[in-house]
All heavy atoms as atom14 arrays in JSON, in Angstrom:
{
  "sequence": "EIQTLDYFNTKIESNLLQIHSIVENVILQSELGFDELDLSIFDVPNIE",
  "atom14_mask": [
    [1, 1, 1, 1, 1, 1, 1, 1, 1, 0, 0, 0, 0, 0],
    [1, 1, 1, 1, 1, 1, 1, 1, 0, 0, 0, 0, 0, 0],
    [1, 1, 1, 1, 1, 1, 1, 1, 1, 0, 0, 0, 0, 0],
    [1, 1, 1, 1, 1, 1, 1, 0, 0, 0, 0, 0, 0, 0],
    [1, 1, 1, 1, 1, 1, 1, 1, 0, 0, 0, 0, 0, 0],
    [1, 1, 1, 1, 1, 1, 1, 1, 0, 0, 0, 0, 0, 0],
    [1, 1, 1, 1, 1, 1, 1, 1, 1, 1, 1, 1, 0, 0],
    [1, 1, 1, 1, 1, 1, 1, 1, 1, 1, 1, 0, 0, 0],
    [1, 1, 1, 1, 1, 1, 1, 1, 0, 0, 0, 0, 0, 0],
    [1, 1, 1, 1, 1, 1, 1, 0, 0, 0, 0, 0, 0, 0],
    [1, 1, 1, 1, 1, 1, 1, 1, 1, 0, 0, 0, 0, 0],
    [1, 1, 1, 1, 1, 1, 1, 1, 0, 0, 0, 0, 0, 0],
    [1, 1, 1, 1, 1, 1, 1, 1, 1, 0, 0, 0, 0, 0],
    [1, 1, 1, 1, 1, 1, 0, 0, 0, 0, 0, 0, 0, 0],
    [1, 1, 1, 1, 1, 1, 1, 1, 0, 0, 0, 0, 0, 0],
    [1, 1, 1, 1, 1, 1, 1, 1, 0, 0, 0, 0, 0, 0],
    [1, 1, 1, 1, 1, 1, 1, 1, 0, 0, 0, 0, 0, 0],
    [1, 1, 1, 1, 1, 1, 1, 1, 1, 0, 0, 0, 0, 0],
    [1, 1, 1, 1, 1, 1, 1, 1, 0, 0, 0, 0, 0, 0],
    [1, 1, 1, 1, 1, 1, 1, 1, 1, 1, 0, 0, 0, 0],
    [1, 1, 1, 1, 1, 1, 0, 0, 0, 0, 0, 0, 0, 0],
    [1, 1, 1, 1, 1, 1, 1, 1, 0, 0, 0, 0, 0, 0],
    [1, 1, 1, 1, 1, 1, 1, 0, 0, 0, 0, 0, 0, 0],
    [1, 1, 1, 1, 1, 1, 1, 1, 1, 0, 0, 0, 0, 0],
    [1, 1, 1, 1, 1, 1, 1, 1, 0, 0, 0, 0, 0, 0],
    [1, 1, 1, 1, 1, 1, 1, 0, 0, 0, 0, 0, 0, 0],
    [1, 1, 1, 1, 1, 1, 1, 1, 0, 0, 0, 0, 0, 0],
    [1, 1, 1, 1, 1, 1, 1, 1, 0, 0, 0, 0, 0, 0],
    [1, 1, 1, 1, 1, 1, 1, 1, 1, 0, 0, 0, 0, 0],
    [1, 1, 1, 1, 1, 1, 0, 0, 0, 0, 0, 0, 0, 0],
    [1, 1, 1, 1, 1, 1, 1, 1, 1, 0, 0, 0, 0, 0],
    [1, 1, 1, 1, 1, 1, 1, 1, 0, 0, 0, 0, 0, 0],
    [1, 1, 1, 1, 0, 0, 0, 0, 0, 0, 0, 0, 0, 0],
    [1, 1, 1, 1, 1, 1, 1, 1, 1, 1, 1, 0, 0, 0],
    [1, 1, 1, 1, 1, 1, 1, 1, 0, 0, 0, 0, 0, 0],
    [1, 1, 1, 1, 1, 1, 1, 1, 1, 0, 0, 0, 0, 0],
    [1, 1, 1, 1, 1, 1, 1, 1, 0, 0, 0, 0, 0, 0],
    [1, 1, 1, 1, 1, 1, 1, 1, 0, 0, 0, 0, 0, 0],
    [1, 1, 1, 1, 1, 1, 1, 1, 0, 0, 0, 0, 0, 0],
    [1, 1, 1, 1, 1, 1, 0, 0, 0, 0, 0, 0, 0, 0],
    [1, 1, 1, 1, 1, 1, 1, 1, 0, 0, 0, 0, 0, 0],
    [1, 1, 1, 1, 1, 1, 1, 1, 1, 1, 1, 0, 0, 0],
    [1, 1, 1, 1, 1, 1, 1, 1, 0, 0, 0, 0, 0, 0],
    [1, 1, 1, 1, 1, 1, 1, 0, 0, 0, 0, 0, 0, 0],
    [1, 1, 1, 1, 1, 1, 1, 0, 0, 0, 0, 0, 0, 0],
    [1, 1, 1, 1, 1, 1, 1, 1, 0, 0, 0, 0, 0, 0],
    [1, 1, 1, 1, 1, 1, 1, 1, 0, 0, 0, 0, 0, 0],
    [1, 1, 1, 1, 1, 1, 1, 1, 1, 0, 0, 0, 0, 0]
  ],
  "atom14_positions": [
    [[28.59, -63.11, 28.96], [27.33, -62.74, 28.13], [26.27, -62.43, 29.05], [25.79, -63.26, 29.87], [27.03, -63.94, 27.16], [25.87, -63.62, 26.31], [25.49, -64.78, 25.43], [26.21, -65.74, 25.31], [24.35, -64.76, 24.82], [0.0, 0.0, 0.0], [0.0, 0.0, 0.0], [0.0, 0.0, 0.0], [0.0, 0.0, 0.0], [0.0, 0.0, 0.0]],
    [[25.67, -61.23, 28.92], [24.63, -60.75, 29.77], [23.34, -60.76, 29.1], [23.12, -60.21, 28.02], [24.92, -59.37, 30.4], [26.16, -59.42, 31.26], [23.83, -58.85, 31.26], [26.67, -58.12, 31.81], [0.0, 0.0, 0.0], [0.0, 0.0, 0.0], [0.0, 0.0, 0.0], [0.0, 0.0, 0.0], [0.0, 0.0, 0.0], [0.0, 0.0, 0.0]],
    [[22.25, -61.39, 29.7], [20.95, -61.36, 29.19], [20.08, -60.73, 30.32], [20.4, -60.84, 31.47], [20.45, -62.71, 28.86], [21.31, -63.41, 27.86], [20.74, -64.81, 27.46], [19.73, -65.0, 26.91], [21.6, -65.84, 27.89], [0.0, 0.0, 0.0], [0.0, 0.0, 0.0], [0.0, 0.0, 0.0], [0.0, 0.0, 0.0], [0.0, 0.0, 0.0]],
    [[18.88, -60.2, 29.89], [18.07, -59.47, 30.93], [16.69, -60.0, 30.93], [15.99, -60.33, 29.93], [17.98, -57.93, 30.49], [19.26, -57.4, 30.46], [17.17, -57.21, 31.44], [0.0, 0.0, 0.0], [0.0, 0.0, 0.0], [0.0, 0.0, 0.0], [0.0, 0.0, 0.0], [0.0, 0.0, 0.0], [0.0, 0.0, 0.0], [0.0, 0.0, 0.0]],
    [[16.13, -60.16, 32.08], [14.72, -60.41, 32.36], [14.1, -59.22, 33.18], [14.79, -58.75, 34.13], [14.52, -61.73, 33.21], [14.66, -62.98, 32.34], [14.68, -64.14, 33.37], [13.52, -63.15, 31.3], [0.0, 0.0, 0.0], [0.0, 0.0, 0.0], [0.0, 0.0, 0.0], [0.0, 0.0, 0.0], [0.0, 0.0, 0.0], [0.0, 0.0, 0.0]],
    [[12.95, -58.74, 32.82], [12.42, -57.6, 33.54], [11.07, -57.64, 33.72], [10.39, -56.68, 34.36], [12.88, -56.28, 32.91], [12.52, -56.2, 31.42], [11.58, -56.97, 31.03], [13.04, -55.31, 30.79], [0.0, 0.0, 0.0], [0.0, 0.0, 0.0], [0.0, 0.0, 0.0], [0.0, 0.0, 0.0], [0.0, 0.0, 0.0], [0.0, 0.0, 0.0]],
    [[10.28, -58.69, 33.31], [8.82, -58.71, 33.4], [8.35, -60.09, 33.76], [8.83, -61.08, 33.06], [8.07, -58.3, 32.15], [6.63, -58.22, 32.22], [5.92, -57.24, 32.86], [5.91, -59.33, 31.64], [4.53, -57.26, 32.92], [4.47, -59.37, 31.71], [3.82, -58.31, 32.38], [2.4, -58.29, 32.48], [0.0, 0.0, 0.0], [0.0, 0.0, 0.0]],
    [[7.58, -60.28, 34.82], [7.06, -61.55, 35.24], [5.48, -61.43, 35.49], [5.01, -60.34, 35.91], [7.77, -61.96, 36.46], [9.22, -62.09, 36.37], [10.07, -60.97, 36.62], [9.9, -63.24, 35.86], [11.43, -61.02, 36.42], [11.19, -63.32, 35.65], [12.06, -62.13, 35.98], [0.0, 0.0, 0.0], [0.0, 0.0, 0.0], [0.0, 0.0, 0.0]],
    [[4.81, -62.5, 35.36], [3.39, -62.42, 35.46], [2.8, -63.73, 36.0], [3.32, -64.8, 35.75], [2.77, -62.22, 33.98], [1.27, -61.98, 34.15], [0.71, -61.03, 34.54], [0.51, -62.98, 33.61], [0.0, 0.0, 0.0], [0.0, 0.0, 0.0], [0.0, 0.0, 0.0], [0.0, 0.0, 0.0], [0.0, 0.0, 0.0], [0.0, 0.0, 0.0]],
    [[1.71, -63.6, 36.87], [1.09, -64.84, 37.34], [-0.34, -64.55, 37.58], [-0.79, -63.38, 37.7], [1.8, -65.34, 38.67], [1.26, -66.71, 38.94], [1.29, -64.43, 39.91], [0.0, 0.0, 0.0], [0.0, 0.0, 0.0], [0.0, 0.0, 0.0], [0.0, 0.0, 0.0], [0.0, 0.0, 0.0], [0.0, 0.0, 0.0], [0.0, 0.0, 0.0]],
    [[-1.17, -65.64, 37.57], [-2.58, -65.57, 37.64], [-3.2, -66.68, 38.53], [-2.73, -67.84, 38.37], [-3.23, -65.5, 36.32], [-4.7, -65.49, 36.28], [-5.18, -65.53, 34.77], [-6.71, -65.6, 34.71], [-7.22, -65.56, 33.27], [0.0, 0.0, 0.0], [0.0, 0.0, 0.0], [0.0, 0.0, 0.0], [0.0, 0.0, 0.0], [0.0, 0.0, 0.0]],
    [[-4.12, -66.33, 39.35], [-4.9, -67.4, 40.05], [-6.32, -67.24, 39.84], [-6.82, -66.02, 39.74], [-4.51, -67.44, 41.59], [-5.0, -66.19, 42.24], [-3.07, -67.84, 41.84], [-4.84, -66.29, 43.83], [0.0, 0.0, 0.0], [0.0, 0.0, 0.0], [0.0, 0.0, 0.0], [0.0, 0.0, 0.0], [0.0, 0.0, 0.0], [0.0, 0.0, 0.0]],
    [[-7.14, -68.29, 39.82], [-8.62, -68.04, 39.71], [-9.13, -67.81, 41.15], [-8.77, -68.44, 42.11], [-9.2, -69.38, 39.24], [-8.85, -69.67, 37.71], [-9.54, -70.84, 37.2], [-10.21, -71.62, 37.98], [-9.47, -71.08, 36.0], [0.0, 0.0, 0.0], [0.0, 0.0, 0.0], [0.0, 0.0, 0.0], [0.0, 0.0, 0.0], [0.0, 0.0, 0.0]],
    [[-10.03, -66.8, 41.15], [-10.56, -66.4, 42.51], [-11.87, -65.67, 42.35], [-12.07, -64.95, 41.41], [-9.48, -65.41, 43.22], [-10.05, -64.85, 44.37], [0.0, 0.0, 0.0], [0.0, 0.0, 0.0], [0.0, 0.0, 0.0], [0.0, 0.0, 0.0], [0.0, 0.0, 0.0], [0.0, 0.0, 0.0], [0.0, 0.0, 0.0], [0.0, 0.0, 0.0]],
    [[-12.72, -65.86, 43.41], [-13.96, -65.09, 43.47], [-13.87, -64.03, 44.53], [-14.95, -63.49, 45.09], [-15.03, -66.0, 43.86], [-15.59, -66.84, 42.7], [-15.62, -66.31, 41.49], [-15.93, -68.1, 42.83], [0.0, 0.0, 0.0], [0.0, 0.0, 0.0], [0.0, 0.0, 0.0], [0.0, 0.0, 0.0], [0.0, 0.0, 0.0], [0.0, 0.0, 0.0]],
    [[-12.68, -63.54, 44.85], [-12.55, -62.56, 45.86], [-13.26, -61.34, 45.66], [-13.85, -60.74, 46.51], [-11.08, -62.22, 45.91], [-10.63, -61.2, 47.03], [-11.1, -61.68, 48.39], [-9.17, -60.93, 46.95], [0.0, 0.0, 0.0], [0.0, 0.0, 0.0], [0.0, 0.0, 0.0], [0.0, 0.0, 0.0], [0.0, 0.0, 0.0], [0.0, 0.0, 0.0]],
    [[-13.49, -60.88, 44.4], [-14.18, -59.68, 44.14], [-15.63, -59.79, 44.47], [-16.28, -58.83, 45.1], [-14.14, -59.36, 42.61], [-14.79, -58.08, 42.09], [-14.17, -56.81, 42.78], [-14.75, -57.94, 40.61], [0.0, 0.0, 0.0], [0.0, 0.0, 0.0], [0.0, 0.0, 0.0], [0.0, 0.0, 0.0], [0.0, 0.0, 0.0], [0.0, 0.0, 0.0]],
    [[-16.26, -60.92, 44.21], [-17.65, -61.15, 44.52], [-17.86, -61.33, 46.06], [-18.84, -60.92, 46.63], [-18.23, -62.38, 43.7], [-18.13, -62.17, 42.22], [-18.55, -63.43, 41.5], [-19.73, -63.86, 41.68], [-17.68, -63.92, 40.64], [0.0, 0.0, 0.0], [0.0, 0.0, 0.0], [0.0, 0.0, 0.0], [0.0, 0.0, 0.0], [0.0, 0.0, 0.0]],
    [[-16.88, -62.02, 46.66], [-16.98, -62.14, 48.15], [-16.85, -60.76, 48.8], [-17.65, -60.53, 49.73], [-15.79, -63.07, 48.62], [-16.04, -64.44, 48.12], [-15.79, -63.07, 50.16], [-14.89, -65.43, 48.39], [0.0, 0.0, 0.0], [0.0, 0.0, 0.0], [0.0, 0.0, 0.0], [0.0, 0.0, 0.0], [0.0, 0.0, 0.0], [0.0, 0.0, 0.0]],
    [[-15.98, -59.86, 48.2], [-15.88, -58.56, 48.77], [-17.27, -57.88, 48.69], [-17.67, -57.06, 49.54], [-14.87, -57.85, 48.05], [-14.57, -56.38, 48.38], [-15.21, -55.3, 47.87], [-13.74, -55.91, 49.36], [-14.87, -54.21, 48.47], [-14.0, -54.55, 49.43], [0.0, 0.0, 0.0], [0.0, 0.0, 0.0], [0.0, 0.0, 0.0], [0.0, 0.0, 0.0]],
    [[-18.04, -58.08, 47.66], [-19.26, -57.4, 47.39], [-20.23, -57.81, 48.42], [-21.03, -57.03, 48.96], [-19.72, -57.64, 46.0], [-21.01, -57.16, 45.75], [0.0, 0.0, 0.0], [0.0, 0.0, 0.0], [0.0, 0.0, 0.0], [0.0, 0.0, 0.0], [0.0, 0.0, 0.0], [0.0, 0.0, 0.0], [0.0, 0.0, 0.0], [0.0, 0.0, 0.0]],
    [[-20.27, -59.18, 48.69], [-21.1, -59.7, 49.7], [-20.89, -59.11, 51.13], [-21.73, -58.66, 51.83], [-20.96, -61.19, 49.9], [-21.49, -61.92, 48.55], [-21.72, -61.81, 51.11], [-21.28, -63.46, 48.57], [0.0, 0.0, 0.0], [0.0, 0.0, 0.0], [0.0, 0.0, 0.0], [0.0, 0.0, 0.0], [0.0, 0.0, 0.0], [0.0, 0.0, 0.0]],
    [[-19.56, -58.92, 51.59], [-19.27, -58.31, 52.8], [-19.67, -56.92, 52.87], [-20.13, -56.41, 53.89], [-17.7, -58.42, 53.05], [-17.28, -57.73, 54.27], [-17.26, -59.93, 53.09], [0.0, 0.0, 0.0], [0.0, 0.0, 0.0], [0.0, 0.0, 0.0], [0.0, 0.0, 0.0], [0.0, 0.0, 0.0], [0.0, 0.0, 0.0], [0.0, 0.0, 0.0]],
    [[-19.48, -56.05, 51.69], [-19.9, -54.72, 51.67], [-21.39, -54.71, 51.91], [-21.91, -53.72, 52.57], [-19.57, -54.1, 50.31], [-18.09, -53.71, 50.15], [-17.86, -52.96, 48.97], [-18.34, -53.28, 47.9], [-17.1, -51.96, 49.11], [0.0, 0.0, 0.0], [0.0, 0.0, 0.0], [0.0, 0.0, 0.0], [0.0, 0.0, 0.0], [0.0, 0.0, 0.0]],
    [[-22.12, -55.58, 51.4], [-23.65, -55.57, 51.62], [-24.02, -55.77, 53.02], [-24.92, -55.31, 53.59], [-24.35, -56.59, 50.71], [-24.34, -56.17, 49.22], [-24.49, -54.98, 48.96], [-24.37, -57.13, 48.31], [0.0, 0.0, 0.0], [0.0, 0.0, 0.0], [0.0, 0.0, 0.0], [0.0, 0.0, 0.0], [0.0, 0.0, 0.0], [0.0, 0.0, 0.0]],
    [[-23.23, -56.78, 53.71], [-23.52, -56.98, 55.19], [-23.26, -55.7, 55.97], [-24.02, -55.32, 56.79], [-22.57, -58.07, 55.66], [-22.63, -58.13, 57.12], [-22.8, -59.41, 55.03], [0.0, 0.0, 0.0], [0.0, 0.0, 0.0], [0.0, 0.0, 0.0], [0.0, 0.0, 0.0], [0.0, 0.0, 0.0], [0.0, 0.0, 0.0], [0.0, 0.0, 0.0]],
    [[-22.21, -54.97, 55.61], [-21.87, -53.66, 56.29], [-23.02, -52.72, 55.95], [-23.36, -51.98, 56.94], [-20.49, -53.18, 55.82], [-19.37, -54.17, 56.3], [-20.26, -51.8, 56.45], [-19.17, -54.21, 57.8], [0.0, 0.0, 0.0], [0.0, 0.0, 0.0], [0.0, 0.0, 0.0], [0.0, 0.0, 0.0], [0.0, 0.0, 0.0], [0.0, 0.0, 0.0]],
    [[-23.38, -52.68, 54.79], [-24.43, -51.63, 54.47], [-25.7, -51.94, 55.22], [-26.44, -50.98, 55.71], [-24.73, -51.73, 52.86], [-25.9, -50.87, 52.35], [-25.54, -49.39, 52.76], [-26.1, -51.07, 50.94], [0.0, 0.0, 0.0], [0.0, 0.0, 0.0], [0.0, 0.0, 0.0], [0.0, 0.0, 0.0], [0.0, 0.0, 0.0], [0.0, 0.0, 0.0]],
    [[-26.08, -53.22, 55.38], [-27.27, -53.54, 56.17], [-27.15, -53.09, 57.61], [-27.99, -52.61, 58.26], [-27.56, -55.01, 56.13], [-28.1, -55.5, 54.76], [-28.63, -56.75, 54.81], [-29.23, -57.33, 55.82], [-28.6, -57.6, 53.71], [0.0, 0.0, 0.0], [0.0, 0.0, 0.0], [0.0, 0.0, 0.0], [0.0, 0.0, 0.0], [0.0, 0.0, 0.0]],
    [[-25.98, -53.2, 58.12], [-25.7, -52.85, 59.5], [-25.74, -51.32, 59.67], [-26.38, -50.76, 60.58], [-24.32, -53.29, 60.0], [-23.99, -52.77, 61.23], [0.0, 0.0, 0.0], [0.0, 0.0, 0.0], [0.0, 0.0, 0.0], [0.0, 0.0, 0.0], [0.0, 0.0, 0.0], [0.0, 0.0, 0.0], [0.0, 0.0, 0.0], [0.0, 0.0, 0.0]],
    [[-25.23, -50.6, 58.69], [-25.21, -49.05, 58.79], [-26.6, -48.49, 58.66], [-26.98, -47.49, 59.11], [-24.33, -48.5, 57.67], [-22.87, -48.8, 57.97], [-21.99, -48.16, 56.88], [-22.34, -48.23, 55.64], [-20.85, -47.64, 57.24], [0.0, 0.0, 0.0], [0.0, 0.0, 0.0], [0.0, 0.0, 0.0], [0.0, 0.0, 0.0], [0.0, 0.0, 0.0]],
    [[-27.52, -49.34, 57.8], [-28.91, -48.86, 57.67], [-29.78, -49.15, 58.87], [-30.96, -48.95, 58.89], [-29.5, -49.51, 56.46], [-28.87, -48.98, 55.08], [-29.42, -49.72, 53.86], [-29.08, -47.5, 54.94], [0.0, 0.0, 0.0], [0.0, 0.0, 0.0], [0.0, 0.0, 0.0], [0.0, 0.0, 0.0], [0.0, 0.0, 0.0], [0.0, 0.0, 0.0]],
    [[-29.18, -49.99, 59.8], [-29.87, -50.23, 60.99], [-30.97, -51.47, 60.9], [-31.89, -51.51, 61.75], [0.0, 0.0, 0.0], [0.0, 0.0, 0.0], [0.0, 0.0, 0.0], [0.0, 0.0, 0.0], [0.0, 0.0, 0.0], [0.0, 0.0, 0.0], [0.0, 0.0, 0.0], [0.0, 0.0, 0.0], [0.0, 0.0, 0.0], [0.0, 0.0, 0.0]],
    [[-30.62, -52.36, 59.99], [-31.47, -53.52, 59.91], [-31.35, -54.39, 61.06], [-30.24, -54.71, 61.62], [-31.13, -54.36, 58.55], [-31.45, -53.59, 57.32], [-31.08, -54.18, 56.14], [-32.23, -52.45, 57.37], [-31.4, -53.55, 54.9], [-32.5, -51.74, 56.15], [-32.15, -52.33, 55.01], [0.0, 0.0, 0.0], [0.0, 0.0, 0.0], [0.0, 0.0, 0.0]],
    [[-32.49, -54.89, 61.59], [-32.47, -55.7, 62.91], [-32.06, -57.29, 62.55], [-31.43, -57.88, 63.39], [-33.74, -55.75, 63.58], [-34.19, -54.41, 64.15], [-33.16, -53.66, 64.47], [-35.27, -54.07, 64.15], [0.0, 0.0, 0.0], [0.0, 0.0, 0.0], [0.0, 0.0, 0.0], [0.0, 0.0, 0.0], [0.0, 0.0, 0.0], [0.0, 0.0, 0.0]],
    [[-32.23, -57.63, 61.28], [-31.91, -58.99, 60.9], [-31.15, -58.9, 59.7], [-31.23, -58.05, 58.7], [-33.19, -59.84, 60.66], [-33.99, -60.02, 62.02], [-35.2, -60.85, 61.81], [-35.42, -61.28, 60.65], [-35.96, -61.15, 62.73], [0.0, 0.0, 0.0], [0.0, 0.0, 0.0], [0.0, 0.0, 0.0], [0.0, 0.0, 0.0], [0.0, 0.0, 0.0]],
    [[-30.25, -59.92, 59.49], [-29.44, -60.03, 58.25], [-30.31, -60.65, 57.17], [-30.83, -61.72, 57.22], [-28.2, -60.94, 58.58], [-27.23, -61.21, 57.35], [-26.58, -59.81, 57.0], [-26.17, -62.17, 57.73], [0.0, 0.0, 0.0], [0.0, 0.0, 0.0], [0.0, 0.0, 0.0], [0.0, 0.0, 0.0], [0.0, 0.0, 0.0], [0.0, 0.0, 0.0]],
    [[-30.25, -59.91, 56.03], [-31.03, -60.42, 54.86], [-30.13, -61.54, 54.15], [-29.1, -61.1, 53.49], [-31.33, -59.28, 53.84], [-32.07, -59.69, 52.58], [-32.36, -60.92, 52.6], [-32.3, -58.9, 51.76], [0.0, 0.0, 0.0], [0.0, 0.0, 0.0], [0.0, 0.0, 0.0], [0.0, 0.0, 0.0], [0.0, 0.0, 0.0], [0.0, 0.0, 0.0]],
    [[-30.5, -62.76, 54.28], [-29.66, -63.8, 53.76], [-29.63, -63.91, 52.19], [-28.85, -64.58, 51.56], [-30.08, -65.12, 54.33], [-29.94, -65.27, 55.85], [-30.48, -66.64, 56.26], [-28.51, -65.06, 56.26], [0.0, 0.0, 0.0], [0.0, 0.0, 0.0], [0.0, 0.0, 0.0], [0.0, 0.0, 0.0], [0.0, 0.0, 0.0], [0.0, 0.0, 0.0]],
    [[-30.55, -63.07, 51.56], [-30.49, -63.02, 50.12], [-29.29, -62.54, 49.49], [-29.01, -62.7, 48.31], [-31.8, -62.28, 49.6], [-31.65, -60.93, 49.9], [0.0, 0.0, 0.0], [0.0, 0.0, 0.0], [0.0, 0.0, 0.0], [0.0, 0.0, 0.0], [0.0, 0.0, 0.0], [0.0, 0.0, 0.0], [0.0, 0.0, 0.0], [0.0, 0.0, 0.0]],
    [[-28.48, -61.78, 50.29], [-27.24, -61.17, 49.77], [-26.18, -62.24, 49.48], [-25.32, -62.0, 48.72], [-26.63, -60.18, 50.82], [-26.14, -60.88, 52.03], [-27.53, -58.99, 50.99], [-25.43, -59.96, 53.0], [0.0, 0.0, 0.0], [0.0, 0.0, 0.0], [0.0, 0.0, 0.0], [0.0, 0.0, 0.0], [0.0, 0.0, 0.0], [0.0, 0.0, 0.0]],
    [[-26.4, -63.47, 50.05], [-25.62, -64.59, 49.76], [-25.88, -65.32, 48.5], [-25.1, -66.14, 47.99], [-25.51, -65.56, 50.91], [-24.92, -65.02, 52.16], [-25.79, -64.5, 53.15], [-23.54, -64.83, 52.35], [-25.31, -63.97, 54.3], [-23.07, -64.32, 53.54], [-23.95, -63.87, 54.55], [0.0, 0.0, 0.0], [0.0, 0.0, 0.0], [0.0, 0.0, 0.0]],
    [[-27.04, -65.07, 47.92], [-27.55, -65.66, 46.77], [-27.14, -64.92, 45.49], [-27.9, -64.29, 44.86], [-29.05, -65.78, 46.85], [-29.57, -66.75, 45.72], [-28.84, -67.5, 45.08], [-30.74, -66.64, 45.41], [0.0, 0.0, 0.0], [0.0, 0.0, 0.0], [0.0, 0.0, 0.0], [0.0, 0.0, 0.0], [0.0, 0.0, 0.0], [0.0, 0.0, 0.0]],
    [[-25.86, -65.05, 45.16], [-25.29, -64.31, 44.0], [-25.14, -65.42, 42.83], [-24.55, -66.34, 43.03], [-23.93, -63.69, 44.24], [-23.4, -62.96, 43.11], [-24.08, -62.79, 45.45], [0.0, 0.0, 0.0], [0.0, 0.0, 0.0], [0.0, 0.0, 0.0], [0.0, 0.0, 0.0], [0.0, 0.0, 0.0], [0.0, 0.0, 0.0], [0.0, 0.0, 0.0]],
    [[-25.84, -65.07, 41.71], [-25.67, -66.03, 40.51], [-24.26, -66.33, 40.17], [-23.37, -65.48, 40.14], [-26.48, -65.28, 39.47], [-27.31, -64.34, 40.06], [-26.64, -63.93, 41.43], [0.0, 0.0, 0.0], [0.0, 0.0, 0.0], [0.0, 0.0, 0.0], [0.0, 0.0, 0.0], [0.0, 0.0, 0.0], [0.0, 0.0, 0.0], [0.0, 0.0, 0.0]],
    [[-24.06, -67.63, 39.93], [-22.74, -68.09, 39.4], [-21.56, -67.8, 40.27], [-20.45, -67.71, 39.9], [-22.46, -67.39, 38.02], [-23.56, -67.71, 37.02], [-24.02, -68.79, 36.96], [-24.0, -66.67, 36.25], [0.0, 0.0, 0.0], [0.0, 0.0, 0.0], [0.0, 0.0, 0.0], [0.0, 0.0, 0.0], [0.0, 0.0, 0.0], [0.0, 0.0, 0.0]],
    [[-21.87, -67.68, 41.61], [-20.65, -67.58, 42.59], [-20.53, -68.75, 43.4], [-21.52, -69.35, 44.03], [-20.86, -66.29, 43.51], [-19.66, -66.18, 44.31], [-22.11, -66.32, 44.24], [-19.71, -64.87, 45.2], [0.0, 0.0, 0.0], [0.0, 0.0, 0.0], [0.0, 0.0, 0.0], [0.0, 0.0, 0.0], [0.0, 0.0, 0.0], [0.0, 0.0, 0.0]],
    [[-19.38, -69.28, 43.53], [-18.96, -70.25, 44.53], [-18.37, -69.49, 45.67], [-17.47, -68.66, 45.47], [-18.03, -71.26, 44.02], [-18.44, -71.98, 42.8], [-17.33, -72.88, 42.22], [-16.38, -73.25, 42.98], [-17.34, -73.15, 40.98], [0.0, 0.0, 0.0], [0.0, 0.0, 0.0], [0.0, 0.0, 0.0], [0.0, 0.0, 0.0], [0.0, 0.0, 0.0]]
  ]
}
């Protein structure tokens, strides 16, 4: 007797998207030639 499975799903909680945004802002500051890092980019509401 043959039965079939063909779909599986999993989920983890993560702030990776927001962390990625922070890193992009660091790069942007570098490309704009800022002499100092603006630490306010780390102050993102509701992010751990």
